Protein backbone atom coordinates (compact mmCIF):
# COMPACT_ATOMS: atom_id res chain seq x y z
CA UNK A 1 -41.93 -157.85 121.93
CA UNK A 2 -41.93 -161.38 123.27
CA UNK A 3 -38.44 -161.07 123.93
CA UNK A 4 -38.69 -157.96 126.34
CA UNK A 5 -41.63 -160.01 128.03
CA UNK A 6 -39.39 -162.49 128.58
CA UNK A 7 -37.17 -160.16 130.09
CA UNK A 8 -39.30 -158.34 132.09
CA UNK A 9 -40.60 -161.78 133.35
CA UNK A 10 -36.68 -162.76 134.39
CA UNK A 11 -36.38 -159.46 136.10
CA UNK A 12 -39.39 -159.83 138.23
CA UNK A 13 -38.65 -163.03 139.49
CA UNK A 14 -35.32 -162.09 140.72
CA UNK A 15 -36.90 -158.95 142.62
CA UNK A 16 -39.15 -160.86 143.70
CA UNK A 17 -36.44 -163.93 145.07
CA UNK A 18 -34.61 -160.93 146.67
CA UNK A 19 -37.60 -159.61 148.55
CA UNK A 20 -38.45 -162.70 150.01
CA UNK A 21 -35.02 -163.77 151.02
CA UNK A 22 -34.35 -160.61 152.40
CA UNK A 23 -37.78 -160.06 154.41
CA UNK A 24 -37.42 -163.62 155.93
CA UNK A 25 -34.22 -163.39 156.78
CA UNK A 26 -34.75 -159.69 158.52
CA UNK A 27 -37.90 -161.58 160.17
CA UNK A 28 -36.16 -164.55 161.82
CA UNK A 29 -33.46 -162.24 162.68
CA UNK A 30 -35.93 -160.28 165.01
CA UNK A 31 -37.96 -163.20 165.72
CA UNK A 32 -34.35 -164.72 167.17
CA UNK A 33 -34.55 -162.05 169.97
CA UNK A 34 -36.59 -162.99 172.76
CA UNK A 35 -39.59 -161.45 172.54
CA UNK A 36 -39.46 -159.47 175.70
CA UNK A 37 -35.92 -157.71 174.48
CA UNK A 38 -37.96 -156.77 171.32
CA UNK A 39 -37.55 -152.88 171.16
CA UNK A 40 -40.37 -150.50 169.42
CA UNK A 41 -38.00 -150.49 166.60
CA UNK A 42 -37.07 -153.60 166.15
CA UNK A 43 -41.24 -154.32 166.54
CA UNK A 44 -41.80 -151.89 163.52
CA UNK A 45 -39.40 -153.34 161.32
CA UNK A 46 -41.02 -156.58 162.14
CA UNK A 47 -44.10 -155.53 161.23
CA UNK A 48 -42.60 -153.86 157.71
CA UNK A 49 -41.16 -157.18 156.85
CA UNK A 50 -44.40 -159.36 157.31
CA UNK A 51 -46.27 -156.51 155.20
CA UNK A 52 -43.16 -156.49 152.47
CA UNK A 53 -43.28 -160.53 152.61
CA UNK A 54 -47.08 -160.44 152.14
CA UNK A 55 -47.50 -158.15 149.43
CA UNK A 56 -44.65 -159.89 147.26
CA UNK A 57 -46.11 -163.56 147.55
CA UNK A 58 -49.79 -162.43 146.96
CA UNK A 59 -48.72 -159.88 143.99
CA UNK A 60 -47.23 -162.56 142.02
CA UNK A 61 -50.17 -164.81 142.88
CA UNK A 62 -52.64 -162.47 141.57
CA UNK A 63 -50.58 -161.30 138.27
CA UNK A 64 -48.86 -164.19 137.46
CA UNK A 65 -51.20 -167.54 138.26
CA UNK A 66 -54.56 -165.18 137.06
CA UNK A 67 -53.17 -162.64 134.60
CA UNK A 68 -50.85 -164.53 132.65
CA UNK A 69 -52.55 -167.80 132.76
CA UNK A 70 -55.56 -165.77 131.77
CA UNK A 71 -58.16 -167.80 133.83
CA UNK A 72 -61.21 -166.11 132.82
CA UNK A 73 -63.68 -168.85 134.71
CA UNK A 74 -61.90 -167.74 138.18
CA UNK A 75 -64.50 -166.11 140.31
CA UNK A 76 -64.96 -162.73 141.16
CA UNK A 77 -64.74 -163.49 144.76
CA UNK A 78 -61.51 -165.32 144.55
CA UNK A 79 -59.99 -162.44 142.35
CA UNK A 80 -61.51 -159.86 144.79
CA UNK A 81 -60.24 -161.61 147.70
CA UNK A 82 -56.41 -161.49 146.21
CA UNK A 83 -56.11 -157.81 144.88
CA UNK A 84 -57.48 -156.94 148.24
CA UNK A 85 -54.54 -158.81 150.32
CA UNK A 86 -52.20 -157.35 147.65
CA UNK A 87 -53.70 -153.46 148.23
CA UNK A 88 -53.65 -154.51 152.06
CA UNK A 89 -49.69 -155.33 151.98
CA UNK A 90 -49.23 -152.26 149.85
CA UNK A 91 -50.89 -150.15 152.35
CA UNK A 92 -49.04 -151.79 155.71
CA UNK A 93 -45.78 -151.43 153.94
CA UNK A 94 -46.53 -147.85 153.50
CA UNK A 95 -48.04 -147.01 157.00
CA UNK A 96 -45.16 -148.90 158.79
CA UNK A 97 -42.61 -146.83 156.89
CA UNK A 98 -44.33 -143.63 157.81
CA UNK A 99 -44.39 -144.73 161.19
CA UNK A 100 -40.41 -145.68 161.19
CA UNK A 101 -39.71 -142.36 159.95
CA UNK A 102 -41.57 -140.72 162.87
CA UNK A 103 -40.16 -142.74 165.49
CA UNK A 104 -36.25 -142.10 164.46
CA UNK A 105 -37.06 -138.46 164.13
CA UNK A 106 -38.75 -138.24 167.61
CA UNK A 107 -36.10 -140.15 169.15
CA UNK A 108 -33.38 -137.90 167.54
CA UNK A 109 -35.08 -134.81 168.24
CA UNK A 110 -33.85 -133.42 171.64
CA UNK A 111 -32.22 -136.16 172.20
CA UNK A 112 -29.47 -134.09 174.42
CA UNK A 113 -32.02 -132.56 176.83
CA UNK A 114 -33.99 -135.67 177.26
CA UNK A 115 -31.17 -137.97 177.28
CA UNK A 116 -31.94 -141.43 178.20
CA UNK A 117 -35.75 -140.48 179.32
CA UNK A 118 -37.97 -142.72 176.65
CA UNK A 119 -40.44 -141.22 174.43
CA UNK A 120 -44.00 -142.20 174.35
CA UNK A 121 -43.30 -144.96 171.41
CA UNK A 122 -40.31 -146.84 173.09
CA UNK A 123 -42.97 -148.39 175.15
CA UNK A 124 -43.84 -151.50 173.51
CA UNK A 125 -47.46 -151.39 174.43
CA UNK A 126 -47.62 -147.97 172.23
CA UNK A 127 -46.15 -150.18 169.82
CA UNK A 128 -48.27 -152.57 169.84
CA UNK A 129 -51.13 -150.00 169.83
CA UNK A 130 -50.23 -148.31 166.68
CA UNK A 131 -49.19 -151.48 164.89
CA UNK A 132 -52.87 -152.47 165.14
CA UNK A 133 -53.97 -148.63 164.04
CA UNK A 134 -51.87 -149.38 160.82
CA UNK A 135 -53.46 -152.51 160.59
CA UNK A 136 -57.19 -151.74 160.92
CA UNK A 137 -56.21 -148.70 158.53
CA UNK A 138 -54.88 -150.81 156.04
CA UNK A 139 -58.25 -152.79 156.13
CA UNK A 140 -60.34 -150.09 156.03
CA UNK A 141 -58.67 -148.48 152.85
CA UNK A 142 -58.45 -152.00 150.84
CA UNK A 143 -62.13 -152.92 151.86
CA UNK A 144 -63.77 -150.85 148.66
CA UNK A 145 -61.53 -153.47 146.17
CA UNK A 146 -64.95 -155.41 147.10
CA UNK A 147 -67.58 -153.20 146.31
CA UNK A 148 -66.10 -151.28 143.29
CA UNK A 149 -67.68 -151.74 140.02
CA UNK A 150 -64.53 -153.84 137.58
CA UNK A 151 -66.66 -154.29 134.43
CA UNK A 152 -66.07 -150.61 133.09
CA UNK A 153 -63.23 -151.15 131.01
CA UNK A 154 -62.27 -150.02 127.88
CA UNK A 155 -63.82 -152.01 125.03
CA UNK A 156 -60.37 -152.59 123.73
CA UNK A 157 -58.80 -153.83 126.18
CA UNK A 158 -57.83 -157.63 126.32
CA UNK A 159 -58.27 -158.03 130.29
CA UNK A 160 -61.58 -157.04 129.96
CA UNK A 161 -63.37 -160.51 130.01
CA UNK A 162 -61.27 -161.62 132.41
CA UNK A 163 -62.75 -161.19 135.84
CA UNK A 164 -59.39 -159.83 137.44
CA UNK A 165 -58.23 -156.61 135.90
CA UNK A 166 -54.81 -155.65 135.88
CA UNK A 167 -56.11 -152.23 137.84
CA UNK A 168 -59.14 -152.14 139.49
CA UNK A 169 -59.09 -148.13 139.26
CA UNK A 170 -59.29 -148.25 135.50
CA UNK A 171 -62.70 -147.16 133.60
CA UNK A 172 -63.75 -146.91 129.94
CA UNK A 173 -64.40 -143.13 128.36
CA UNK A 174 -68.10 -144.30 128.01
CA UNK A 175 -68.63 -145.72 131.41
CA UNK A 176 -67.21 -145.15 134.75
CA UNK A 177 -68.82 -145.40 138.12
CA UNK A 178 -68.57 -142.16 140.56
CA UNK A 179 -67.38 -144.97 143.23
CA UNK A 180 -64.45 -145.92 141.24
CA UNK A 181 -63.21 -142.17 140.98
CA UNK A 182 -63.85 -141.31 144.31
CA UNK A 183 -61.92 -144.69 145.31
CA UNK A 184 -59.14 -144.14 142.93
CA UNK A 185 -58.24 -140.46 144.34
CA UNK A 186 -58.97 -141.43 147.74
CA UNK A 187 -56.28 -144.23 147.30
CA UNK A 188 -53.95 -142.04 145.50
CA UNK A 189 -54.10 -139.41 148.10
CA UNK A 190 -54.52 -141.20 151.27
CA UNK A 191 -52.09 -144.14 150.86
CA UNK A 192 -49.48 -142.50 148.31
CA UNK A 193 -49.22 -138.38 148.28
CA UNK A 194 -49.93 -138.13 151.95
CA UNK A 195 -47.60 -140.75 153.19
CA UNK A 196 -45.08 -139.55 150.46
CA UNK A 197 -45.49 -135.85 151.89
CA UNK A 198 -44.96 -137.11 155.41
CA UNK A 199 -41.62 -139.31 154.55
CA UNK A 200 -40.31 -136.08 152.58
CA UNK A 201 -41.02 -133.70 155.06
CA UNK A 202 -40.10 -136.09 157.96
CA UNK A 203 -36.58 -136.52 156.53
CA UNK A 204 -35.61 -133.27 155.80
CA UNK A 205 -36.24 -132.79 159.49
CA UNK A 206 -34.01 -135.66 160.68
CA UNK A 207 -31.41 -134.15 158.65
CA UNK A 208 -31.82 -130.79 159.99
CA UNK A 209 -31.02 -131.82 163.35
CA UNK A 210 -28.39 -134.33 162.33
CA UNK A 211 -26.41 -131.20 160.63
CA UNK A 212 -26.98 -128.97 163.97
CA UNK A 213 -25.69 -131.76 166.10
CA UNK A 214 -22.76 -131.95 163.92
CA UNK A 215 -22.32 -128.45 164.16
CA UNK A 216 -22.83 -128.17 167.92
CA UNK A 217 -20.26 -131.49 168.05
CA UNK A 218 -17.65 -129.54 166.14
CA UNK A 219 -18.08 -126.44 168.64
CA UNK A 220 -17.61 -128.46 171.60
CA UNK A 221 -14.43 -130.46 169.76
CA UNK A 222 -12.90 -127.22 169.09
CA UNK A 223 -12.87 -125.62 172.43
CA UNK A 224 -11.95 -129.08 173.76
CA UNK A 225 -8.81 -129.30 171.63
CA UNK A 226 -8.00 -125.71 172.64
CA UNK A 227 -8.07 -127.02 176.41
CA UNK A 228 -6.97 -130.30 175.86
CA UNK A 229 -4.77 -130.74 173.19
CA UNK A 230 -3.79 -134.02 173.61
CA UNK A 231 -7.29 -135.40 173.90
CA UNK A 232 -9.39 -136.61 171.18
CA UNK A 233 -13.02 -135.88 170.98
CA UNK A 234 -15.30 -138.12 169.63
CA UNK A 235 -18.54 -136.77 167.72
CA UNK A 236 -21.33 -139.10 167.58
CA UNK A 237 -21.92 -138.02 163.43
CA UNK A 238 -24.12 -140.13 161.20
CA UNK A 239 -25.20 -143.52 163.12
CA UNK A 240 -25.04 -146.20 161.10
CA UNK A 241 -29.25 -147.03 161.69
CA UNK A 242 -29.63 -143.29 161.04
CA UNK A 243 -28.09 -143.47 157.33
CA UNK A 244 -30.05 -146.75 156.93
CA UNK A 245 -33.18 -145.09 157.75
CA UNK A 246 -32.66 -141.77 155.39
CA UNK A 247 -31.66 -144.36 152.52
CA UNK A 248 -34.58 -146.36 152.91
CA UNK A 249 -36.99 -143.05 152.93
CA UNK A 250 -34.76 -142.11 149.27
CA UNK A 251 -35.88 -145.44 148.33
CA UNK A 252 -39.34 -145.05 149.13
CA UNK A 253 -39.20 -141.46 147.75
CA UNK A 254 -38.19 -142.28 144.53
CA UNK A 255 -40.33 -145.49 144.31
CA UNK A 256 -43.54 -144.01 144.96
CA UNK A 257 -43.03 -140.81 142.89
CA UNK A 258 -42.54 -142.71 139.91
CA UNK A 259 -45.50 -144.91 141.04
CA UNK A 260 -47.78 -141.75 141.51
CA UNK A 261 -46.87 -140.51 138.12
CA UNK A 262 -47.31 -144.10 136.36
CA UNK A 263 -50.95 -144.43 138.30
CA UNK A 264 -51.98 -140.97 137.21
CA UNK A 265 -50.72 -140.62 133.85
CA UNK A 266 -50.98 -144.19 132.09
CA UNK A 267 -53.40 -146.66 131.50
CA UNK A 268 -53.61 -150.55 131.43
CA UNK A 269 -54.80 -150.25 127.40
CA UNK A 270 -51.78 -148.30 126.79
CA UNK A 271 -49.21 -150.36 128.05
CA UNK A 272 -49.66 -154.07 127.48
CA UNK A 273 -46.84 -154.77 130.17
CA UNK A 274 -49.13 -152.76 132.75
CA UNK A 275 -48.75 -155.56 135.51
CA UNK A 276 -44.80 -155.92 135.00
CA UNK A 277 -44.49 -151.95 135.22
CA UNK A 278 -46.39 -151.76 138.30
CA UNK A 279 -44.93 -154.46 140.35
CA UNK A 280 -41.47 -153.56 139.44
CA UNK A 281 -41.67 -150.19 140.83
CA UNK A 282 -43.94 -150.90 143.65
CA UNK A 283 -41.86 -154.02 144.93
CA UNK A 284 -38.27 -152.07 144.58
CA UNK A 285 -39.16 -150.68 148.04
CA UNK A 286 -40.30 -153.50 149.59
CA UNK A 287 -37.47 -155.81 148.35
CA UNK A 288 -34.81 -153.60 148.78
CA UNK A 289 -35.81 -151.91 151.79
CA UNK A 290 -35.03 -155.01 154.29
CA UNK A 291 -31.28 -155.40 153.42
CA UNK A 292 -30.75 -151.35 154.46
CA UNK A 293 -32.58 -151.85 157.21
CA UNK A 294 -30.79 -155.15 158.64
CA UNK A 295 -27.53 -153.97 157.64
CA UNK A 296 -27.89 -150.56 159.25
CA UNK A 297 -28.77 -151.86 162.68
CA UNK A 298 -26.70 -155.02 162.67
CA UNK A 299 -29.65 -157.64 161.94
CA UNK A 300 -27.54 -158.98 158.93
CA UNK A 301 -24.44 -160.47 159.79
CA UNK A 302 -22.59 -163.53 158.67
CA UNK A 303 -22.91 -165.26 161.74
CA UNK A 304 -26.69 -164.87 161.55
CA UNK A 305 -26.73 -165.97 157.99
CA UNK A 306 -24.67 -169.20 159.01
CA UNK A 307 -26.92 -169.68 161.86
CA UNK A 308 -30.13 -169.36 159.77
C-alpha cells in the first residue's frame, strides 16, 4: 500500500511538472506577441492556460500541504479559500474550453460564404467581454464553498477530524445538509455534464463541417483535373489548428466522463487515495492540452523554446 502511495505521488509530481511547464510556456509564447496583435483565439488560449496553471498549483497546495501533512489546526477559512481557488480554476478551465470549441466552430461554419468577414468573437472587445463572463460565472459557482457544511462526513472517515476534507460534497448517511446536496448536483450538472454535452455536440458539428468541406473540395478537384489535367488542386484539408482543437476536445471528453463517473459512484471513505485519483483525472486535460494547442497553432517551436 505504501509503495502504491509513493508511485501515485511520483506520478502526481510528474504530471504537475509537465502541466506547469506547458502552461507557462504557452502563456509566454502568447505574451511575447504585442497585445495589439493578439487575436481572439490566442486570448482564449491565454485565459485557458492561466486557469490551468492556477488550478494545478492550488490543487497541489491544497492536497499535499493540507491533506497529506494532516494539519488539523489549519483555519477553516484558509481551507475554504484554497478549495475555492481550486474549484475556481477548474471551472474557468472548463468554460474557456467550451469557449474555444464554440469559437472554432463559428469560424469554420459557413467559411466559404463568409470568406474573410469576421465573426462577432473576432473582436478583441467581444473576447474580453465573454472572458469576463467566464470568470464571473466561475466565481459565482465556486462561492458556495464558503457556506456549505463540511462537518457531516462519515464517522469512519479518517479525514473527518481535518478541517480540510478531500471532498466538500461528501456527507454521512445520517447527516447531509440539503445545501450540500443541492450544490453537488448543481455543480455536476452546470460545471461538468452541461459543458461535456456542449463540447461533444460542437465537436461532432465541426467534424461534419470538415467532412462536407472535404467532399466539396474533392468534387472541385475532380472537375479541375478533367478540364486542366496538368494542374494540381490544393484542397484545404484538415488544418493543424483544427486537428489540435479536436484532439484537445477528445481528451476533455475522456477525462471529464471519467471524472463524472468517479464523482457520482465513489466516495472518499471507500478510497484511501481519493485525492490522488481525483487529481490525476482532473489534471490530465489541464497538463496535456497546452501542448496540443501550442503545437497545433505553431506557438511551440524549438526557436521559441531557445528564446524562453
